[in-house]
Amino acid sequence: QVQLVESGGGLVQAGGSLRLSCAASGSVFSTYAVFWYRRSPGKERRWVAVITNAGITNYADSVKGRFTISRDNTKNTVVLQMNSLKPEDTAVYYCNVGKDWGQGTLVTVSS
């Protein structure tokens, strides 16, 4: 089991940036792919980005070119850098490894 803690959410104006972090427990963190999902108000949770244990990344079309996912296995941390934020990016963002989820961090983008 991996324990995940997200941080870095907040209120930002459209066009701004935020940096989300996912801190994980466990020495085997480096062997897992790590995913970011988000749940917008009134919508289902949707996949945002993934980084594999080899560092390969992929993004949902809605965030491609604006978001960047990275990992530091020495710190058991995955970062989601979010630039050029839009009001439609407003959501609770969750970190996911296998069956384990963090508690989420709220991102609010004002127009």
PDB file of N, CA and C in Angstrom:
ATOM      1  N   GLN A   1       0.839  -1.193   0.000  1.00  0.00           N
ATOM      2  CA  GLN A   1       0.000   0.000   0.000  1.00  0.00           C
ATOM      3  C   GLN A   1       0.872   1.241   0.000  1.00  0.00           C
ATOM      4  N   VAL A   2       0.466   2.218  -0.811  1.00  0.00           N
ATOM      5  CA  VAL A   2       1.192   3.478  -0.899  1.00  0.00           C
ATOM      6  C   VAL A   2       0.294   4.583  -0.350  1.00  0.00           C
ATOM      7  N   GLN A   3       0.818   5.379   0.545  1.00  0.00           N
ATOM      8  CA  GLN A   3       0.075   6.537   1.041  1.00  0.00           C
ATOM      9  C   GLN A   3       0.495   7.765   0.253  1.00  0.00           C
ATOM     10  N   LEU A   4      -0.504   8.506  -0.200  1.00  0.00           N
ATOM     11  CA  LEU A   4      -0.276   9.637  -1.077  1.00  0.00           C
ATOM     12  C   LEU A   4      -0.857  10.905  -0.460  1.00  0.00           C
ATOM     13  N   VAL A   5      -0.116  11.988  -0.534  1.00  0.00           N
ATOM     14  CA  VAL A   5      -0.567  13.274  -0.014  1.00  0.00           C
ATOM     15  C   VAL A   5      -0.319  14.340  -1.071  1.00  0.00           C
ATOM     16  N   GLU A   6      -1.409  14.944  -1.542  1.00  0.00           N
ATOM     17  CA  GLU A   6      -1.298  16.019  -2.521  1.00  0.00           C
ATOM     18  C   GLU A   6      -1.212  17.366  -1.813  1.00  0.00           C
ATOM     19  N   SER A   7      -0.571  18.306  -2.477  1.00  0.00           N
ATOM     20  CA  SER A   7      -0.502  19.674  -1.965  1.00  0.00           C
ATOM     21  C   SER A   7      -0.286  20.620  -3.138  1.00  0.00           C
ATOM     22  N   GLY A   8      -0.464  21.911  -2.860  1.00  0.00           N
ATOM     23  CA  GLY A   8      -0.173  22.919  -3.864  1.00  0.00           C
ATOM     24  C   GLY A   8      -1.387  23.549  -4.515  1.00  0.00           C
ATOM     25  N   GLY A   9      -2.582  23.076  -4.193  1.00  0.00           N
ATOM     26  CA  GLY A   9      -3.771  23.672  -4.772  1.00  0.00           C
ATOM     27  C   GLY A   9      -4.018  25.066  -4.235  1.00  0.00           C
ATOM     28  N   GLY A  10      -4.956  25.747  -4.862  1.00  0.00           N
ATOM     29  CA  GLY A  10      -5.292  27.089  -4.416  1.00  0.00           C
ATOM     30  C   GLY A  10      -6.115  27.818  -5.444  1.00  0.00           C
ATOM     31  N   LEU A  11      -6.237  29.128  -5.245  1.00  0.00           N
ATOM     32  CA  LEU A  11      -6.999  29.997  -6.136  1.00  0.00           C
ATOM     33  C   LEU A  11      -6.028  30.772  -7.015  1.00  0.00           C
ATOM     34  N   VAL A  12      -6.289  30.761  -8.302  1.00  0.00           N
ATOM     35  CA  VAL A  12      -5.425  31.458  -9.242  1.00  0.00           C
ATOM     36  C   VAL A  12      -6.285  32.057 -10.351  1.00  0.00           C
ATOM     37  N   GLN A  13      -5.828  33.139 -10.918  1.00  0.00           N
ATOM     38  CA  GLN A  13      -6.541  33.746 -12.032  1.00  0.00           C
ATOM     39  C   GLN A  13      -6.247  32.994 -13.327  1.00  0.00           C
ATOM     40  N   ALA A  14      -7.172  33.077 -14.247  1.00  0.00           N
ATOM     41  CA  ALA A  14      -6.968  32.468 -15.559  1.00  0.00           C
ATOM     42  C   ALA A  14      -5.659  32.973 -16.169  1.00  0.00           C
ATOM     43  N   GLY A  15      -4.918  32.052 -16.754  1.00  0.00           N
ATOM     44  CA  GLY A  15      -3.615  32.379 -17.313  1.00  0.00           C
ATOM     45  C   GLY A  15      -2.465  32.163 -16.353  1.00  0.00           C
ATOM     46  N   GLY A  16      -2.792  31.939 -15.104  1.00  0.00           N
ATOM     47  CA  GLY A  16      -1.766  31.741 -14.090  1.00  0.00           C
ATOM     48  C   GLY A  16      -1.272  30.310 -14.027  1.00  0.00           C
ATOM     49  N   SER A  17      -0.427  30.050 -13.029  1.00  0.00           N
ATOM     50  CA  SER A  17       0.195  28.738 -12.873  1.00  0.00           C
ATOM     51  C   SER A  17       0.064  28.250 -11.439  1.00  0.00           C
ATOM     52  N   LEU A  18       0.062  26.943 -11.310  1.00  0.00           N
ATOM     53  CA  LEU A  18       0.142  26.290 -10.013  1.00  0.00           C
ATOM     54  C   LEU A  18       1.011  25.056 -10.154  1.00  0.00           C
ATOM     55  N   ARG A  19       1.600  24.662  -9.031  1.00  0.00           N
ATOM     56  CA  ARG A  19       2.454  23.485  -9.003  1.00  0.00           C
ATOM     57  C   ARG A  19       1.927  22.544  -7.933  1.00  0.00           C
ATOM     58  N   LEU A  20       1.402  21.420  -8.376  1.00  0.00           N
ATOM     59  CA  LEU A  20       0.873  20.421  -7.446  1.00  0.00           C
ATOM     60  C   LEU A  20       1.951  19.385  -7.161  1.00  0.00           C
ATOM     61  N   SER A  21       1.984  18.927  -5.929  1.00  0.00           N
ATOM     62  CA  SER A  21       2.915  17.876  -5.547  1.00  0.00           C
ATOM     63  C   SER A  21       2.154  16.691  -4.980  1.00  0.00           C
ATOM     64  N   CYS A  22       2.695  15.521  -5.224  1.00  0.00           N
ATOM     65  CA  CYS A  22       2.168  14.282  -4.653  1.00  0.00           C
ATOM     66  C   CYS A  22       3.328  13.601  -3.951  1.00  0.00           C
ATOM     67  N   ALA A  23       3.235  13.545  -2.636  1.00  0.00           N
ATOM     68  CA  ALA A  23       4.277  12.902  -1.844  1.00  0.00           C
ATOM     69  C   ALA A  23       3.804  11.503  -1.473  1.00  0.00           C
ATOM     70  N   ALA A  24       4.672  10.521  -1.690  1.00  0.00           N
ATOM     71  CA  ALA A  24       4.297   9.132  -1.470  1.00  0.00           C
ATOM     72  C   ALA A  24       5.183   8.478  -0.426  1.00  0.00           C
ATOM     73  N   SER A  25       4.584   7.572   0.309  1.00  0.00           N
ATOM     74  CA  SER A  25       5.348   6.759   1.249  1.00  0.00           C
ATOM     75  C   SER A  25       5.725   5.453   0.573  1.00  0.00           C
ATOM     76  N   GLY A  26       6.702   4.768   1.131  1.00  0.00           N
ATOM     77  CA  GLY A  26       7.033   3.459   0.599  1.00  0.00           C
ATOM     78  C   GLY A  26       8.254   3.455  -0.284  1.00  0.00           C
ATOM     79  N   SER A  27       9.075   2.468  -0.080  1.00  0.00           N
ATOM     80  CA  SER A  27      10.341   2.393  -0.804  1.00  0.00           C
ATOM     81  C   SER A  27      10.184   1.900  -2.233  1.00  0.00           C
ATOM     82  N   VAL A  28       9.002   1.390  -2.584  1.00  0.00           N
ATOM     83  CA  VAL A  28       8.823   0.858  -3.926  1.00  0.00           C
ATOM     84  C   VAL A  28       8.162   1.869  -4.857  1.00  0.00           C
ATOM     85  N   PHE A  29       8.045   3.104  -4.407  1.00  0.00           N
ATOM     86  CA  PHE A  29       7.376   4.139  -5.192  1.00  0.00           C
ATOM     87  C   PHE A  29       7.960   4.233  -6.586  1.00  0.00           C
ATOM     88  N   SER A  30       9.269   4.099  -6.705  1.00  0.00           N
ATOM     89  CA  SER A  30       9.927   4.304  -7.993  1.00  0.00           C
ATOM     90  C   SER A  30       9.541   3.254  -9.026  1.00  0.00           C
ATOM     91  N   THR A  31       8.950   2.162  -8.589  1.00  0.00           N
ATOM     92  CA  THR A  31       8.581   1.104  -9.530  1.00  0.00           C
ATOM     93  C   THR A  31       7.188   1.273 -10.120  1.00  0.00           C
ATOM     94  N   TYR A  32       6.454   2.291  -9.655  1.00  0.00           N
ATOM     95  CA  TYR A  32       5.074   2.470 -10.075  1.00  0.00           C
ATOM     96  C   TYR A  32       4.902   3.633 -11.038  1.00  0.00           C
ATOM     97  N   ALA A  33       3.935   3.476 -11.931  1.00  0.00           N
ATOM     98  CA  ALA A  33       3.441   4.631 -12.680  1.00  0.00           C
ATOM     99  C   ALA A  33       2.567   5.454 -11.734  1.00  0.00           C
ATOM    100  N   VAL A  34       2.601   6.747 -11.910  1.00  0.00           N
ATOM    101  CA  VAL A  34       1.820   7.661 -11.074  1.00  0.00           C
ATOM    102  C   VAL A  34       0.904   8.476 -11.970  1.00  0.00           C
ATOM    103  N   PHE A  35      -0.337   8.560 -11.569  1.00  0.00           N
ATOM    104  CA  PHE A  35      -1.354   9.246 -12.344  1.00  0.00           C
ATOM    105  C   PHE A  35      -1.883  10.462 -11.575  1.00  0.00           C
ATOM    106  N   TRP A  36      -2.290  11.472 -12.321  1.00  0.00           N
ATOM    107  CA  TRP A  36      -3.097  12.574 -11.790  1.00  0.00           C
ATOM    108  C   TRP A  36      -4.471  12.501 -12.448  1.00  0.00           C
ATOM    109  N   TYR A  37      -5.498  12.634 -11.617  1.00  0.00           N
ATOM    110  CA  TYR A  37      -6.879  12.727 -12.070  1.00  0.00           C
ATOM    111  C   TYR A  37      -7.464  14.019 -11.510  1.00  0.00           C
ATOM    112  N   ARG A  38      -8.593  14.406 -12.034  1.00  0.00           N
ATOM    113  CA  ARG A  38      -9.303  15.545 -11.472  1.00  0.00           C
ATOM    114  C   ARG A  38     -10.806  15.316 -11.562  1.00  0.00           C
ATOM    115  N   ARG A  39     -11.490  15.922 -10.605  1.00  0.00           N
ATOM    116  CA  ARG A  39     -12.952  15.878 -10.596  1.00  0.00           C
ATOM    117  C   ARG A  39     -13.456  17.302 -10.558  1.00  0.00           C
ATOM    118  N   SER A  40     -14.073  17.729 -11.662  1.00  0.00           N
ATOM    119  CA  SER A  40     -14.640  19.069 -11.742  1.00  0.00           C
ATOM    120  C   SER A  40     -16.029  19.037 -11.116  1.00  0.00           C
ATOM    121  N   PRO A  41     -16.536  20.185 -10.676  1.00  0.00           N
ATOM    122  CA  PRO A  41     -17.863  20.229 -10.048  1.00  0.00           C
ATOM    123  C   PRO A  41     -18.927  19.605 -10.949  1.00  0.00           C
ATOM    124  N   GLY A  42     -19.656  18.658 -10.420  1.00  0.00           N
ATOM    125  CA  GLY A  42     -20.747  18.040 -11.161  1.00  0.00           C
ATOM    126  C   GLY A  42     -20.326  17.048 -12.225  1.00  0.00           C
ATOM    127  N   LYS A  43     -19.049  16.701 -12.251  1.00  0.00           N
ATOM    128  CA  LYS A  43     -18.556  15.793 -13.289  1.00  0.00           C
ATOM    129  C   LYS A  43     -17.849  14.591 -12.667  1.00  0.00           C
ATOM    130  N   GLU A  44     -17.651  13.575 -13.478  1.00  0.00           N
ATOM    131  CA  GLU A  44     -16.925  12.400 -13.021  1.00  0.00           C
ATOM    132  C   GLU A  44     -15.427  12.693 -12.972  1.00  0.00           C
ATOM    133  N   ARG A  45     -14.730  11.901 -12.188  1.00  0.00           N
ATOM    134  CA  ARG A  45     -13.274  12.030 -12.134  1.00  0.00           C
ATOM    135  C   ARG A  45     -12.674  11.621 -13.477  1.00  0.00           C
ATOM    136  N   ARG A  46     -11.734  12.415 -13.945  1.00  0.00           N
ATOM    137  CA  ARG A  46     -11.134  12.182 -15.259  1.00  0.00           C
ATOM    138  C   ARG A  46      -9.619  12.172 -15.157  1.00  0.00           C
ATOM    139  N   TRP A  47      -9.026  11.367 -15.970  1.00  0.00           N
ATOM    140  CA  TRP A  47      -7.570  11.255 -16.019  1.00  0.00           C
ATOM    141  C   TRP A  47      -6.957  12.524 -16.607  1.00  0.00           C
ATOM    142  N   VAL A  48      -5.843  12.959 -16.058  1.00  0.00           N
ATOM    143  CA  VAL A  48      -5.163  14.169 -16.508  1.00  0.00           C
ATOM    144  C   VAL A  48      -3.789  13.861 -17.100  1.00  0.00           C
ATOM    145  N   ALA A  49      -2.980  13.104 -16.361  1.00  0.00           N
ATOM    146  CA  ALA A  49      -1.608  12.860 -16.799  1.00  0.00           C
ATOM    147  C   ALA A  49      -1.072  11.613 -16.114  1.00  0.00           C
ATOM    148  N   VAL A  50      -0.031  11.044 -16.710  1.00  0.00           N
ATOM    149  CA  VAL A  50       0.633   9.877 -16.142  1.00  0.00           C
ATOM    150  C   VAL A  50       2.129   9.986 -16.392  1.00  0.00           C
ATOM    151  N   ILE A  51       2.895   9.459 -15.464  1.00  0.00           N
ATOM    152  CA  ILE A  51       4.331   9.292 -15.659  1.00  0.00           C
ATOM    153  C   ILE A  51       4.681   7.873 -15.228  1.00  0.00           C
ATOM    154  N   THR A  52       5.325   7.137 -16.120  1.00  0.00           N
ATOM    155  CA  THR A  52       5.662   5.747 -15.816  1.00  0.00           C
ATOM    156  C   THR A  52       6.912   5.683 -14.939  1.00  0.00           C
ATOM    157  N   ASN A  53       7.232   4.466 -14.511  1.00  0.00           N
ATOM    158  CA  ASN A  53       8.439   4.311 -13.704  1.00  0.00           C
ATOM    159  C   ASN A  53       9.694   4.625 -14.519  1.00  0.00           C
ATOM    160  N   ALA A  54       9.571   4.564 -15.840  1.00  0.00           N
ATOM    161  CA  ALA A  54      10.691   4.898 -16.724  1.00  0.00           C
ATOM    162  C   ALA A  54      10.715   6.376 -17.098  1.00  0.00           C
ATOM    163  N   GLY A  55       9.748   7.121 -16.603  1.00  0.00           N
ATOM    164  CA  GLY A  55       9.725   8.556 -16.893  1.00  0.00           C
ATOM    165  C   GLY A  55       8.982   8.935 -18.160  1.00  0.00           C
ATOM    166  N   ILE A  56       8.282   7.993 -18.752  1.00  0.00           N
ATOM    167  CA  ILE A  56       7.485   8.303 -19.937  1.00  0.00           C
ATOM    168  C   ILE A  56       6.197   8.977 -19.499  1.00  0.00           C
ATOM    169  N   THR A  57       5.838  10.033 -20.211  1.00  0.00           N
ATOM    170  CA  THR A  57       4.676  10.826 -19.819  1.00  0.00           C
ATOM    171  C   THR A  57       3.602  10.811 -20.893  1.00  0.00           C
ATOM    172  N   ASN A  58       2.386  11.054 -20.454  1.00  0.00           N
ATOM    173  CA  ASN A  58       1.278  11.203 -21.386  1.00  0.00           C
ATOM    174  C   ASN A  58       0.235  12.094 -20.726  1.00  0.00           C
ATOM    175  N   TYR A  59      -0.553  12.788 -21.561  1.00  0.00           N
ATOM    176  CA  TYR A  59      -1.477  13.790 -21.055  1.00  0.00           C
ATOM    177  C   TYR A  59      -2.827  13.690 -21.756  1.00  0.00           C
ATOM    178  N   ALA A  60      -3.847  14.080 -21.036  1.00  0.00           N
ATOM    179  CA  ALA A  60      -5.145  14.245 -21.655  1.00  0.00           C
ATOM    180  C   ALA A  60      -5.062  15.405 -22.648  1.00  0.00           C
ATOM    181  N   ASP A  61      -5.842  15.315 -23.715  1.00  0.00           N
ATOM    182  CA  ASP A  61      -5.789  16.359 -24.744  1.00  0.00           C
ATOM    183  C   ASP A  61      -6.109  17.738 -24.167  1.00  0.00           C
ATOM    184  N   SER A  62      -6.964  17.775 -23.166  1.00  0.00           N
ATOM    185  CA  SER A  62      -7.406  19.048 -22.602  1.00  0.00           C
ATOM    186  C   SER A  62      -6.288  19.809 -21.886  1.00  0.00           C
ATOM    187  N   VAL A  63      -5.209  19.116 -21.512  1.00  0.00           N
ATOM    188  CA  VAL A  63      -4.128  19.783 -20.779  1.00  0.00           C
ATOM    189  C   VAL A  63      -2.797  19.721 -21.512  1.00  0.00           C
ATOM    190  N   LYS A  64      -2.763  19.012 -22.632  1.00  0.00           N
ATOM    191  CA  LYS A  64      -1.514  18.838 -23.376  1.00  0.00           C
ATOM    192  C   LYS A  64      -0.960  20.192 -23.787  1.00  0.00           C
ATOM    193  N   GLY A  65       0.331  20.376 -23.542  1.00  0.00           N
ATOM    194  CA  GLY A  65       0.974  21.628 -23.881  1.00  0.00           C
ATOM    195  C   GLY A  65       0.921  22.662 -22.770  1.00  0.00           C
ATOM    196  N   ARG A  66       0.098  22.422 -21.750  1.00  0.00           N
ATOM    197  CA  ARG A  66      -0.014  23.369 -20.632  1.00  0.00           C
ATOM    198  C   ARG A  66       0.458  22.761 -19.309  1.00  0.00           C
ATOM    199  N   PHE A  67       0.265  21.464 -19.162  1.00  0.00           N
ATOM    200  CA  PHE A  67       0.642  20.768 -17.922  1.00  0.00           C
ATOM    201  C   PHE A  67       1.883  19.913 -18.182  1.00  0.00           C
ATOM    202  N   THR A  68       2.702  19.784 -17.158  1.00  0.00           N
ATOM    203  CA  THR A  68       3.890  18.931 -17.234  1.00  0.00           C
ATOM    204  C   THR A  68       3.977  18.101 -15.963  1.00  0.00           C
ATOM    205  N   ILE A  69       4.121  16.799 -16.133  1.00  0.00           N
ATOM    206  CA  ILE A  69       4.263  15.899 -14.993  1.00  0.00           C
ATOM    207  C   ILE A  69       5.715  15.453 -14.914  1.00  0.00           C
ATOM    208  N   SER A  70       6.231  15.388 -13.693  1.00  0.00           N
ATOM    209  CA  SER A  70       7.605  14.953 -13.491  1.00  0.00           C
ATOM    210  C   SER A  70       7.694  14.209 -12.163  1.00  0.00           C
ATOM    211  N   ARG A  71       8.780  13.493 -11.989  1.00  0.00           N
ATOM    212  CA  ARG A  71       8.929  12.744 -10.739  1.00  0.00           C
ATOM    213  C   ARG A  71      10.356  12.819 -10.248  1.00  0.00           C
ATOM    214  N   ASP A  72      10.492  12.748  -8.938  1.00  0.00           N
ATOM    215  CA  ASP A  72      11.798  12.676  -8.290  1.00  0.00           C
ATOM    216  C   ASP A  72      11.738  11.474  -7.358  1.00  0.00           C
ATOM    217  N   ASN A  73      12.293  10.359  -7.821  1.00  0.00           N
ATOM    218  CA  ASN A  73      12.203   9.129  -7.038  1.00  0.00           C
ATOM    219  C   ASN A  73      13.046   9.188  -5.762  1.00  0.00           C
ATOM    220  N   THR A  74      14.025  10.067  -5.728  1.00  0.00           N
ATOM    221  CA  THR A  74      14.833  10.194  -4.506  1.00  0.00           C
ATOM    222  C   THR A  74      14.033  10.851  -3.395  1.00  0.00           C
ATOM    223  N   LYS A  75      13.003  11.601  -3.799  1.00  0.00           N
ATOM    224  CA  LYS A  75      12.152  12.274  -2.821  1.00  0.00           C
ATOM    225  C   LYS A  75      10.752  11.670  -2.767  1.00  0.00           C
ATOM    226  N   ASN A  76      10.525  10.599  -3.526  1.00  0.00           N
ATOM    227  CA  ASN A  76       9.192   9.974  -3.590  1.00  0.00           C
ATOM    228  C   ASN A  76       8.114  11.007  -3.889  1.00  0.00           C
ATOM    229  N   THR A  77       8.373  11.834  -4.898  1.00  0.00           N
ATOM    230  CA  THR A  77       7.462  12.935  -5.210  1.00  0.00           C
ATOM    231  C   THR A  77       7.195  13.005  -6.701  1.00  0.00           C
ATOM    232  N   VAL A  78       5.946  13.295  -7.020  1.00  0.00           N
ATOM    233  CA  VAL A  78       5.560  13.582  -8.400  1.00  0.00           C
ATOM    234  C   VAL A  78       4.953  14.978  -8.419  1.00  0.00           C
ATOM    235  N   VAL A  79       5.341  15.740  -9.400  1.00  0.00           N
ATOM    236  CA  VAL A  79       4.884  17.131  -9.521  1.00  0.00           C
ATOM    237  C   VAL A  79       4.072  17.298 -10.786  1.00  0.00           C
ATOM    238  N   LEU A  80       2.988  18.050 -10.684  1.00  0.00           N
ATOM    239  CA  LEU A  80       2.203  18.442 -11.850  1.00  0.00           C
ATOM    240  C   LEU A  80       2.289  19.957 -11.962  1.00  0.00           C
ATOM    241  N   GLN A  81       3.058  20.422 -12.917  1.00  0.00           N
ATOM    242  CA  GLN A  81       3.181  21.852 -13.185  1.00  0.00           C
ATOM    243  C   GLN A  81       2.070  22.261 -14.140  1.00  0.00           C
ATOM    244  N   MET A  82       1.258  23.200 -13.719  1.00  0.00           N
ATOM    245  CA  MET A  82       0.104  23.605 -14.508  1.00  0.00           C
ATOM    246  C   MET A  82       0.257  25.069 -14.904  1.00  0.00           C
ATOM    247  N   ASN A  83       0.347  25.316 -16.189  1.00  0.00           N
ATOM    248  CA  ASN A  83       0.493  26.665 -16.722  1.00  0.00           C
ATOM    249  C   ASN A  83      -0.709  27.031 -17.579  1.00  0.00           C
ATOM    250  N   SER A  84      -0.840  28.306 -17.842  1.00  0.00           N
ATOM    251  CA  SER A  84      -1.930  28.801 -18.702  1.00  0.00           C
ATOM    252  C   SER A  84      -3.271  28.235 -18.250  1.00  0.00           C
ATOM    253  N   LEU A  85      -3.519  28.331 -16.971  1.00  0.00           N
ATOM    254  CA  LEU A  85      -4.724  27.736 -16.409  1.00  0.00           C
ATOM    255  C   LEU A  85      -5.982  28.422 -16.912  1.00  0.00           C
ATOM    256  N   LYS A  86      -7.026  27.618 -17.055  1.00  0.00           N
ATOM    257  CA  LYS A  86      -8.319  28.075 -17.539  1.00  0.00           C
ATOM    258  C   LYS A  86      -9.375  27.808 -16.466  1.00  0.00           C
ATOM    259  N   PRO A  87     -10.462  28.526 -16.489  1.00  0.00           N
ATOM    260  CA  PRO A  87     -11.530  28.251 -15.510  1.00  0.00           C
ATOM    261  C   PRO A  87     -12.001  26.803 -15.544  1.00  0.00           C
ATOM    262  N   GLU A  88     -11.962  26.189 -16.710  1.00  0.00           N
ATOM    263  CA  GLU A  88     -12.404  24.790 -16.808  1.00  0.00           C
ATOM    264  C   GLU A  88     -11.418  23.806 -16.181  1.00  0.00           C
ATOM    265  N   ASP A  89     -10.269  24.283 -15.752  1.00  0.00           N
ATOM    266  CA  ASP A  89      -9.333  23.439 -15.006  1.00  0.00           C
ATOM    267  C   ASP A  89      -9.706  23.357 -13.521  1.00  0.00           C
ATOM    268  N   THR A  90     -10.683  24.137 -13.123  1.00  0.00           N
ATOM    269  CA  THR A  90     -11.133  24.088 -11.729  1.00  0.00           C
ATOM    270  C   THR A  90     -11.612  22.688 -11.377  1.00  0.00           C
ATOM    271  N   ALA A  91     -11.028  22.121 -10.313  1.00  0.00           N
ATOM    272  CA  ALA A  91     -11.329  20.736  -9.949  1.00  0.00           C
ATOM    273  C   ALA A  91     -10.567  20.378  -8.686  1.00  0.00           C
ATOM    274  N   VAL A  92     -10.938  19.250  -8.121  1.00  0.00           N
ATOM    275  CA  VAL A  92     -10.107  18.612  -7.112  1.00  0.00           C
ATOM    276  C   VAL A  92      -9.176  17.660  -7.848  1.00  0.00           C
ATOM    277  N   TYR A  93      -7.898  17.802  -7.595  1.00  0.00           N
ATOM    278  CA  TYR A  93      -6.889  16.998  -8.276  1.00  0.00           C
ATOM    279  C   TYR A  93      -6.404  15.897  -7.337  1.00  0.00           C
ATOM    280  N   TYR A  94      -6.343  14.690  -7.890  1.00  0.00           N
ATOM    281  CA  TYR A  94      -5.983  13.522  -7.109  1.00  0.00           C
ATOM    282  C   TYR A  94      -4.755  12.829  -7.709  1.00  0.00           C
ATOM    283  N   CYS A  95      -3.924  12.343  -6.835  1.00  0.00           N
ATOM    284  CA  CYS A  95      -2.784  11.517  -7.205  1.00  0.00           C
ATOM    285  C   CYS A  95      -3.176  10.053  -7.011  1.00  0.00           C
ATOM    286  N   ASN A  96      -2.734   9.213  -7.931  1.00  0.00           N
ATOM    287  CA  ASN A  96      -3.125   7.800  -7.899  1.00  0.00           C
ATOM    288  C   ASN A  96      -1.944   6.901  -8.234  1.00  0.00           C
ATOM    289  N   VAL A  97      -1.783   5.864  -7.416  1.00  0.00           N
ATOM    290  CA  VAL A  97      -0.814   4.795  -7.677  1.00  0.00           C
ATOM    291  C   VAL A  97      -1.528   3.478  -7.435  1.00  0.00           C
ATOM    292  N   GLY A  98      -1.715   2.702  -8.483  1.00  0.00           N
ATOM    293  CA  GLY A  98      -2.417   1.437  -8.345  1.00  0.00           C
ATOM    294  C   GLY A  98      -3.815   1.644  -7.781  1.00  0.00           C
ATOM    295  N   LYS A  99      -4.094   1.020  -6.638  1.00  0.00           N
ATOM    296  CA  LYS A  99      -5.402   1.152  -6.009  1.00  0.00           C
ATOM    297  C   LYS A  99      -5.437   2.264  -4.972  1.00  0.00           C
ATOM    298  N   ASP A 100      -4.353   2.955  -4.805  1.00  0.00           N
ATOM    299  CA  ASP A 100      -4.237   3.966  -3.755  1.00  0.00           C
ATOM    300  C   ASP A 100      -4.431   5.378  -4.290  1.00  0.00           C
ATOM    301  N   TRP A 101      -5.158   6.171  -3.510  1.00  0.00           N
ATOM    302  CA  TRP A 101      -5.486   7.550  -3.883  1.00  0.00           C
ATOM    303  C   TRP A 101      -5.140   8.491  -2.744  1.00  0.00           C
ATOM    304  N   GLY A 102      -4.766   9.710  -3.117  1.00  0.00           N
ATOM    305  CA  GLY A 102      -4.625  10.746  -2.112  1.00  0.00           C
ATOM    306  C   GLY A 102      -5.976  11.355  -1.792  1.00  0.00           C
ATOM    307  N   GLN A 103      -5.951  12.348  -0.907  1.00  0.00           N
ATOM    308  CA  GLN A 103      -7.198  12.975  -0.467  1.00  0.00           C
ATOM    309  C   GLN A 103      -7.647  14.076  -1.423  1.00  0.00           C
ATOM    310  N   GLY A 104      -6.750  14.489  -2.292  1.00  0.00           N
ATOM    311  CA  GLY A 104      -7.083  15.518  -3.273  1.00  0.00           C
ATOM    312  C   GLY A 104      -6.689  16.907  -2.817  1.00  0.00           C
ATOM    313  N   THR A 105      -6.469  17.777  -3.785  1.00  0.00           N
ATOM    314  CA  THR A 105      -6.179  19.182  -3.521  1.00  0.00           C
ATOM    315  C   THR A 105      -6.989  20.024  -4.494  1.00  0.00           C
ATOM    316  N   LEU A 106      -7.623  21.066  -3.972  1.00  0.00           N
ATOM    317  CA  LEU A 106      -8.557  21.865  -4.761  1.00  0.00           C
ATOM    318  C   LEU A 106      -7.831  22.949  -5.534  1.00  0.00           C
ATOM    319  N   VAL A 107      -8.119  22.998  -6.813  1.00  0.00           N
ATOM    320  CA  VAL A 107      -7.619  24.059  -7.688  1.00  0.00           C
ATOM    321  C   VAL A 107      -8.813  24.850  -8.195  1.00  0.00           C
ATOM    322  N   THR A 108      -8.789  26.156  -7.976  1.00  0.00           N
ATOM    323  CA  THR A 108      -9.857  27.023  -8.447  1.00  0.00           C
ATOM    324  C   THR A 108      -9.253  28.092  -9.348  1.00  0.00           C
ATOM    325  N   VAL A 109      -9.745  28.169 -10.577  1.00  0.00           N
ATOM    326  CA  VAL A 109      -9.242  29.141 -11.541  1.00  0.00           C
ATOM    327  C   VAL A 109     -10.351  30.145 -11.820  1.00  0.00           C
ATOM    328  N   SER A 110     -10.103  31.393 -11.490  1.00  0.00           N
ATOM    329  CA  SER A 110     -11.107  32.434 -11.683  1.00  0.00           C
ATOM    330  C   SER A 110     -10.919  33.092 -13.050  1.00  0.00           C
ATOM    331  N   SER A 111     -12.029  33.520 -13.616  1.00  0.00           N
ATOM    332  CA  SER A 111     -11.970  34.144 -14.947  1.00  0.00           C
ATOM    333  C   SER A 111     -11.752  35.639 -14.839  1.00  0.00           C
TER     334      SER A 111
END
